[in-house]
Protein backbone atom coordinates (compact mmCIF):
# COMPACT_ATOMS: atom_id res chain seq x y z
CA PHE A 1 0.00 0.00 0.00
CA ARG A 2 2.84 2.36 0.83
CA LYS A 3 4.42 1.77 -2.60
CA LEU A 4 1.13 2.76 -4.20
CA GLY A 5 0.82 5.80 -1.97
CA LEU A 6 -2.21 4.35 -0.19
CA SER A 7 -2.97 4.12 3.51
CA LEU A 8 -5.35 2.04 5.59
CA ALA A 9 -7.76 3.52 8.11
CA LYS A 10 -9.14 1.55 11.06
CA ASP A 11 -12.46 1.07 9.29
CA ASP A 12 -10.67 -0.52 6.32
CA ILE A 13 -9.37 -3.41 8.43
CA VAL A 14 -11.71 -6.31 9.10
CA GLN A 15 -11.46 -7.61 12.65
CA LEU A 16 -10.70 -11.29 12.99
CA LYS A 17 -13.91 -11.96 14.91
CA GLU A 18 -15.95 -10.51 12.03
CA ALA A 19 -14.14 -12.71 9.51
CA TYR A 20 -14.80 -15.68 11.80
CA LYS A 21 -18.52 -14.86 11.83
CA TRP A 22 -18.58 -14.74 8.02
CA ILE A 23 -17.14 -18.25 7.95
CA ILE A 24 -19.05 -19.86 10.82
CA HIS A 25 -22.54 -18.33 10.38
CA PRO A 26 -23.39 -20.22 7.15
CA GLN A 27 -22.13 -23.46 8.70
CA LEU A 28 -24.26 -22.99 11.83
CA SER A 29 -27.31 -22.08 9.75
CA GLU A 30 -26.93 -25.22 7.66
CA GLU A 31 -26.32 -27.45 10.68
CA LEU A 32 -29.16 -26.07 12.84
CA GLY A 33 -31.62 -25.25 10.08
CA VAL A 34 -32.15 -21.65 11.25
CA PRO A 35 -30.86 -18.31 9.93
CA ALA A 36 -27.93 -16.65 11.72
CA ASP A 37 -28.83 -13.22 13.09
CA GLY A 38 -26.08 -11.04 14.55
CA LYS A 39 -28.65 -9.08 16.57
CA SER A 40 -30.33 -12.14 18.08
CA LEU A 41 -30.60 -12.45 21.87
CA PHE A 42 -29.15 -15.95 21.55
CA GLU A 43 -25.36 -15.83 21.68
CA VAL A 44 -22.79 -18.57 21.08
CA SER A 45 -19.45 -17.70 22.67
CA VAL A 46 -16.29 -19.57 21.63
CA VAL A 47 -13.00 -19.22 23.53
CA PHE A 48 -9.88 -19.97 21.47
CA ALA A 49 -6.29 -20.49 22.59
CA HIS A 50 -3.30 -19.77 20.35
CA PRO A 51 0.06 -19.61 22.18
CA GLU A 52 1.80 -18.07 19.16
CA THR A 53 -0.47 -15.04 19.37
CA ASP A 54 0.48 -14.44 23.00
CA GLU A 55 4.16 -14.65 22.06
CA GLU A 56 3.65 -12.07 19.32
CA CYS A 57 2.25 -9.65 21.89
CA HIS A 58 5.13 -9.90 24.36
CA PHE A 59 7.04 -7.00 22.81
CA LEU A 60 3.95 -4.81 23.29
CA ALA A 61 4.04 -5.52 27.03
CA THR A 62 7.64 -4.27 27.09
CA ALA A 63 6.85 -1.16 25.05
CA CYS A 64 3.59 -0.31 26.87
CA PRO A 65 3.61 -2.03 30.29
CA ASP A 66 0.78 0.17 31.64
CA CYS A 67 -1.62 -1.30 29.03
CA PHE A 68 -1.37 -4.87 30.34
CA LYS A 69 -2.49 -5.33 33.92
CA PRO A 70 -3.48 -8.73 35.40
CA ALA A 71 -7.16 -9.24 36.19
CA LYS A 72 -8.72 -12.01 38.27
CA ASN A 73 -11.34 -12.92 35.67
CA LYS A 74 -8.99 -12.86 32.64
CA GLN A 75 -6.95 -15.87 31.53
CA SER A 76 -4.38 -13.64 29.80
CA VAL A 77 -3.28 -10.02 30.12
CA PHE A 78 -3.32 -9.79 26.31
CA THR A 79 -7.00 -8.98 25.93
CA ARG A 80 -8.28 -7.45 22.71
CA MET A 81 -8.86 -4.04 24.31
CA ALA A 82 -5.41 -4.05 25.95
CA VAL A 83 -3.69 -4.88 22.65
CA ILE A 84 -5.67 -2.20 20.79
CA LYS A 85 -4.72 0.35 23.45
CA ALA A 86 -1.03 -0.58 23.13
CA LEU A 87 -1.12 -0.44 19.32
CA GLU A 88 -2.59 3.05 19.50
CA LYS A 89 0.24 4.21 21.76
CA ILE A 90 3.27 2.59 20.09
CA LYS A 91 5.07 4.44 17.31
CA GLU A 92 4.97 2.82 13.87
CA GLU A 93 8.77 2.63 13.54
CA ASP A 94 9.04 0.91 16.94
CA PHE A 95 6.34 -1.54 15.95
CA LEU A 96 8.10 -2.48 12.69
CA LYS A 97 11.35 -3.19 14.57
CA HIS A 98 9.69 -6.04 16.48
CA PHE A 99 6.96 -7.26 14.18
CA PRO A 100 7.25 -8.17 10.48
CA CYS A 101 4.82 -6.54 8.11
CA PRO A 102 3.12 -8.42 6.59
CA PRO A 103 3.15 -10.98 9.44
CA CYS A 104 4.43 -14.52 9.01
CA SER A 105 1.96 -17.36 8.50
CA PRO A 106 1.11 -19.10 11.80
CA LYS A 107 2.77 -22.46 12.41
CA ASN A 108 -0.01 -23.96 14.55
CA LEU A 109 -3.78 -23.94 14.49
CA CYS A 110 -5.75 -22.37 17.32
CA VAL A 111 -7.73 -24.61 19.68
CA ALA A 112 -11.32 -24.06 20.86
CA LEU A 113 -11.18 -24.29 24.66
CA GLU A 114 -14.77 -23.50 25.55
CA ILE A 115 -18.16 -23.04 23.89
CA GLN A 116 -20.97 -21.30 25.78
CA CYS A 117 -24.56 -20.70 24.69
CA ASN A 118 -26.42 -17.83 26.34
CA ASN A 119 -29.75 -16.15 25.80
CA GLY A 120 -30.26 -12.46 26.42
CA ALA A 121 -32.42 -11.62 29.43
CA VAL A 122 -36.21 -11.73 29.18
CA PHE A 123 -38.38 -9.32 31.18
CA VAL A 124 -41.77 -10.11 32.70
CA ALA A 125 -43.99 -7.48 34.32
CA GLY A 126 -47.28 -7.43 36.16
CA ARG A 127 -48.98 -6.22 39.33
CA TYR A 128 -49.21 -8.11 42.60
CA ASN A 129 -51.57 -8.06 45.56
CA LYS A 130 -50.29 -9.08 48.99
CA TYR A 131 -52.92 -10.36 51.42
CA SER A 132 -50.69 -11.49 54.29
CA ARG A 133 -49.47 -9.35 57.18
CA ASN A 134 -46.58 -11.73 57.73
CA LEU A 135 -44.91 -11.71 54.32
CA PRO A 136 -41.96 -9.51 53.24
CA GLN A 137 -41.61 -8.30 49.67
CA THR A 138 -38.09 -9.74 49.37
CA PRO A 139 -36.34 -12.47 51.42
CA TRP A 140 -35.94 -11.26 55.01
CA ILE A 141 -32.45 -12.31 56.06
CA ILE A 142 -30.60 -10.67 58.95
CA ASP A 143 -26.99 -11.61 59.78
CA GLY A 144 -27.30 -14.67 57.57
CA GLU A 145 -30.43 -15.91 59.37
CA ARG A 146 -33.73 -16.17 57.55
CA LYS A 147 -36.58 -14.59 59.54
CA LEU A 148 -39.60 -15.66 57.47
CA GLU A 149 -39.96 -18.68 55.22
CA SER A 150 -41.06 -16.92 52.03
CA SER A 151 -41.55 -13.57 50.28
CA VAL A 152 -43.56 -11.99 47.47
CA GLU A 153 -40.49 -12.11 45.24
CA GLU A 154 -39.99 -15.84 45.76
CA LEU A 155 -43.65 -16.82 45.42
CA ILE A 156 -43.72 -15.17 41.98
CA SER A 157 -40.22 -15.90 40.70
CA GLU A 158 -40.09 -19.64 41.43
CA HIS A 159 -42.78 -20.31 38.82
CA LEU A 160 -41.26 -17.92 36.27
CA MET A 161 -37.82 -19.47 36.74
CA ALA A 162 -39.25 -22.94 36.12
CA ALA A 163 -41.27 -21.91 33.06
CA PHE A 164 -38.49 -19.88 31.40
CA LYS A 165 -35.75 -22.28 32.58
CA ALA A 166 -33.58 -19.31 33.58
CA ASP A 167 -30.29 -19.30 35.50
CA SER A 168 -31.24 -16.48 37.87
CA PHE A 169 -33.51 -13.45 38.21
CA ASN A 170 -33.63 -9.83 39.39
CA PHE A 171 -36.80 -8.46 40.99
CA SER A 172 -37.84 -4.79 41.05
CA SER A 173 -41.06 -2.96 41.87
CA SER A 174 -42.67 0.45 42.18
CA GLY A 175 -41.91 0.97 45.86
CA ARG A 176 -42.33 -1.62 48.59
CA GLU A 177 -44.61 -2.29 51.54
CA ASP A 178 -43.63 -3.36 55.05
CA VAL A 179 -43.93 -7.00 56.03
CA ASP A 180 -47.16 -6.32 58.02
CA VAL A 181 -48.83 -4.19 55.32
CA ARG A 182 -51.27 -5.57 52.76
CA THR A 183 -51.37 -4.38 49.14
CA LEU A 184 -54.92 -4.38 47.80
CA GLY A 185 -56.79 -2.76 44.88
CA ASN A 186 -55.11 -3.18 41.49
CA GLY A 187 -51.85 -4.15 43.16
CA ARG A 188 -48.27 -2.93 42.94
CA PRO A 189 -46.35 -2.90 39.60
CA PHE A 190 -43.34 -5.21 39.45
CA ALA A 191 -40.84 -6.50 36.90
CA ILE A 192 -38.57 -9.54 36.87
CA GLU A 193 -35.45 -9.93 34.74
CA LEU A 194 -34.88 -13.60 33.87
CA VAL A 195 -31.20 -14.21 33.15
CA ASN A 196 -30.15 -16.66 30.42
CA PRO A 197 -33.57 -18.29 29.87
CA ARG A 198 -33.73 -21.52 27.84
CA ARG A 199 -37.24 -20.69 26.70
CA ILE A 200 -38.22 -17.17 25.61
CA HIS A 201 -41.38 -17.44 23.50
CA PHE A 202 -44.75 -17.53 25.28
CA THR A 203 -48.17 -16.82 23.81
CA ALA A 204 -50.66 -14.56 25.59
CA GLU A 205 -52.62 -17.66 26.60
CA GLU A 206 -49.51 -19.32 28.02
CA MET A 207 -48.74 -16.19 30.06
CA LYS A 208 -52.30 -16.22 31.35
CA GLY A 209 -51.85 -19.87 32.33
CA LEU A 210 -48.59 -19.05 34.10
CA GLN A 211 -50.35 -16.26 35.98
CA GLN A 212 -53.03 -18.73 37.08
CA THR A 213 -50.35 -21.18 38.25
CA ILE A 214 -48.82 -18.48 40.46
CA ASN A 215 -52.21 -17.50 41.86
CA ASN A 216 -53.18 -21.10 42.61
CA SER A 217 -49.91 -21.75 44.46
CA SER A 218 -50.56 -19.44 47.42
CA ASP A 219 -53.35 -17.53 49.13
CA LYS A 220 -50.86 -14.89 50.32
CA ILE A 221 -50.46 -13.16 46.95
CA LYS A 222 -52.19 -12.72 43.62
CA VAL A 223 -50.75 -11.58 40.30
CA ARG A 224 -52.51 -9.77 37.46
CA ASP A 225 -51.57 -8.32 34.03
CA LEU A 226 -48.61 -10.74 33.71
CA GLN A 227 -46.86 -10.04 30.39
CA LEU A 228 -43.57 -9.97 28.52
CA VAL A 229 -42.02 -6.48 28.26
CA THR A 230 -38.83 -4.91 26.94
CA ARG A 231 -35.93 -3.71 29.07
CA SER A 232 -36.63 -0.09 28.11
CA ALA A 233 -40.30 -0.38 29.12
CA ILE A 234 -39.31 -1.11 32.73
CA GLY A 235 -38.05 2.46 33.00
CA ARG A 236 -41.65 3.66 32.96
CA MET A 237 -42.21 1.96 36.30
CA LYS A 238 -39.56 4.16 37.92
CA GLU A 239 -40.26 7.40 36.02
CA GLY A 240 -41.28 10.20 38.35
CA GLU A 241 -41.75 7.70 41.16
CA GLU A 242 -41.84 10.34 43.90
CA GLU A 243 -44.37 12.44 41.96
CA LYS A 244 -46.82 9.54 41.85
CA THR A 245 -49.58 9.18 44.43
CA LYS A 246 -50.56 6.26 46.64
CA THR A 247 -53.74 5.60 48.55
CA TYR A 248 -53.77 3.99 52.00
CA SER A 249 -56.21 2.83 54.64
CA ALA A 250 -54.99 2.98 58.26
CA LEU A 251 -56.66 1.64 61.41
CA ILE A 252 -55.73 4.10 64.17
CA TRP A 253 -55.90 3.93 67.98
CA THR A 254 -55.94 6.97 70.27
CA ASP A 255 -55.34 6.97 74.01
CA LYS A 256 -57.81 9.82 74.48
CA ALA A 257 -61.50 9.01 74.00
CA ILE A 258 -62.84 10.58 70.80
CA GLN A 259 -66.18 11.27 69.20
CA LYS A 260 -66.97 11.45 65.50
CA GLU A 261 -66.86 15.26 65.52
CA ASP A 262 -63.34 15.20 67.05
CA ILE A 263 -61.87 13.72 63.86
CA ALA A 264 -64.17 15.33 61.26
CA PHE A 265 -61.74 18.24 60.70
CA LEU A 266 -59.21 15.82 59.17
CA ASP A 267 -61.50 15.50 56.13
CA ASP A 268 -61.09 19.23 55.40
CA ILE A 269 -57.28 19.21 55.38
CA LYS A 270 -55.84 19.33 51.85
CA GLU A 271 -52.22 19.28 50.62
CA LEU A 272 -50.77 18.95 54.12
CA LYS A 273 -46.98 19.36 54.03
CA LEU A 274 -44.91 17.08 56.25
CA ASP A 275 -41.29 17.21 57.32
CA GLN A 276 -40.19 13.62 57.82
CA LYS A 277 -36.82 12.88 59.34
CA THR A 278 -35.59 9.41 58.39
CA PRO A 279 -37.63 7.05 60.61
CA LEU A 280 -35.81 5.32 63.45
CA ARG A 281 -36.91 1.91 62.15
CA VAL A 282 -35.10 2.37 58.80
CA LEU A 283 -32.19 4.53 59.98
CA HIS A 284 -29.84 1.52 59.82
CA ARG A 285 -30.30 1.29 56.03
CA ARG A 286 -31.30 4.81 54.94
CA PRO A 287 -29.25 8.03 55.20
CA LEU A 288 -30.30 10.59 57.78
CA ALA A 289 -32.28 13.34 56.04
CA VAL A 290 -35.42 15.43 56.34
CA ARG A 291 -37.81 14.74 53.47
CA CYS A 292 -40.74 16.96 52.57
CA ARG A 293 -43.84 14.91 51.74
CA ILE A 294 -47.46 15.81 51.03
CA ILE A 295 -50.73 14.32 52.29
CA HIS A 296 -53.11 15.28 49.48
CA THR A 297 -56.41 14.27 51.11
CA MET A 298 -57.77 12.45 54.18
CA LYS A 299 -61.14 10.91 54.97
CA SER A 300 -61.94 9.66 58.46
CA GLU A 301 -64.25 6.79 59.39
CA TYR A 302 -65.26 6.70 63.07
CA ILE A 303 -65.36 3.25 64.74
CA ASP A 304 -65.50 3.76 68.52
CA GLU A 305 -64.09 5.96 71.30
CA HIS A 306 -60.53 4.81 70.71
CA HIS A 307 -60.48 3.66 67.09
CA PHE A 308 -61.05 5.15 63.66
CA ARG A 309 -60.00 4.38 60.11
CA LEU A 310 -58.24 7.01 58.02
CA HIS A 311 -58.14 6.89 54.22
CA LEU A 312 -55.21 8.87 52.82
CA LYS A 313 -54.01 9.90 49.38
CA THR A 314 -50.34 10.81 49.63
CA GLN A 315 -47.20 11.56 47.70
CA ALA A 316 -45.23 8.38 47.03
CA GLY A 317 -42.45 7.89 49.56
CA THR A 318 -44.48 9.12 52.54
CA TYR A 319 -43.93 7.13 55.74
CA ILE A 320 -47.54 6.54 56.81
CA LYS A 321 -46.85 4.82 60.14
CA GLU A 322 -44.68 7.74 61.22
CA PHE A 323 -47.32 10.25 60.06
CA VAL A 324 -49.75 8.57 62.45
CA HIS A 325 -47.65 8.27 65.63
CA GLY A 326 -45.08 11.00 64.96
CA ASP A 327 -41.96 8.85 65.48
CA PHE A 328 -41.00 10.71 68.69
CA GLY A 329 -41.40 14.06 66.98
CA ARG A 330 -39.39 13.13 63.87
CA THR A 331 -42.46 13.57 61.62
CA LYS A 332 -44.23 16.94 61.89
CA PRO A 333 -47.15 17.32 61.92
CA SER A 334 -48.62 13.89 62.73
CA VAL A 335 -52.11 12.55 63.35
CA GLY A 336 -51.25 12.47 67.05
CA SER A 337 -50.21 16.13 67.12
CA LEU A 338 -53.23 17.18 65.05
CA LEU A 339 -55.56 15.43 67.54
CA ASN A 340 -53.48 16.56 70.53
CA SER A 341 -53.43 12.93 71.62
CA THR A 342 -51.19 9.88 71.54
CA ALA A 343 -52.02 7.93 68.39
CA ASP A 344 -50.73 4.67 66.99
CA ILE A 345 -51.37 2.60 63.89
CA LEU A 346 -52.80 -0.92 64.26
CA GLU A 347 -53.19 -1.91 60.60
CA LEU A 348 -52.16 -0.43 57.27
CA ASP A 349 -53.28 -1.32 53.75
CA VAL A 350 -52.05 0.03 50.42
CA GLU A 351 -55.27 0.64 48.47
CA SER A 352 -53.68 1.80 45.21
CA VAL A 353 -50.33 2.58 43.58
CA ASP A 354 -51.07 5.15 40.90
CA VAL A 355 -48.54 4.08 38.27
CA ASP A 356 -50.08 3.47 34.85
CA TRP A 357 -47.84 0.51 34.04
CA PRO A 358 -47.76 -2.24 32.91
CA PRO A 359 -50.71 -2.01 30.50
CA ALA A 360 -53.86 -3.60 31.90
CA LEU A 361 -54.85 -6.90 30.29
CA ASP A 362 -58.18 -8.64 29.98
CA ASN A 363 -57.58 -11.09 32.82
């Protein structure tokens, strides 16, 4: 090329892995009877060994030692990215001193050490109801000791793992409820990433059947709107999470005897601003901060002299239990301070999570 006054740019050089694909794709297609698609979620990874290649790179390690650093998960320091980095740094005249151009033909063939088949992750979304007051959302393990035998995550994922034949999973949801809180109404949106599934295609009817299997397996939870979604769609579940609203129902006790008219004023309070210091019960896992939250509306329901039910529509992220009892003055104002009485919460239910995702299905 130099003799002809021509030069090669990076884009003019075909990488070895691309040439390998050109050779192997037609062979795989013929053998398996399916077309080869470079953008497919199914990936076949082949690890080759070729000692001669490592030897050829040794002079690069001398010229650019900072480019080749040992890593625990790498069999050789001469990774593709490390070699490319070194080639970009070394001067052309120094390179030609150590490496013939064009290179010599290899003396030995490379050997395939390992072949791995992996499928890209599949994502399943839906909404769940939790009917138990003794069930955490995720496994409750403290200092290596399991506190409760199951969780919402496990009751759902065990059936998905079996159906999709996946290696592992990752569970996420739009917020979370405490172990003793029920989630009613249309449920809470959730998504599960299934890693390296062996099966990825399910019809709408099969997904409906899988949903029924989950619902028949336990009376503690129920799933609805179970469907396959894309990775990007999961972002909608988290978008503007703190701007969303949630509706609750709380059973409240007061030490001071009350009449219906004593709590009626709560119904007239709108857009009540709270200052909530990180609750004592979560201080071990949440940073200390004062968060401003809003109680949009309240509706009281008198029961007897010491009990009433309060229906609340709040900004997502509001600590409802602390709003009721005040958390030793860490939440201001509180139901207790508004009533000028000691108040505590006996039961709490999530009535709705106002996130319009995933799309509702005809269940």
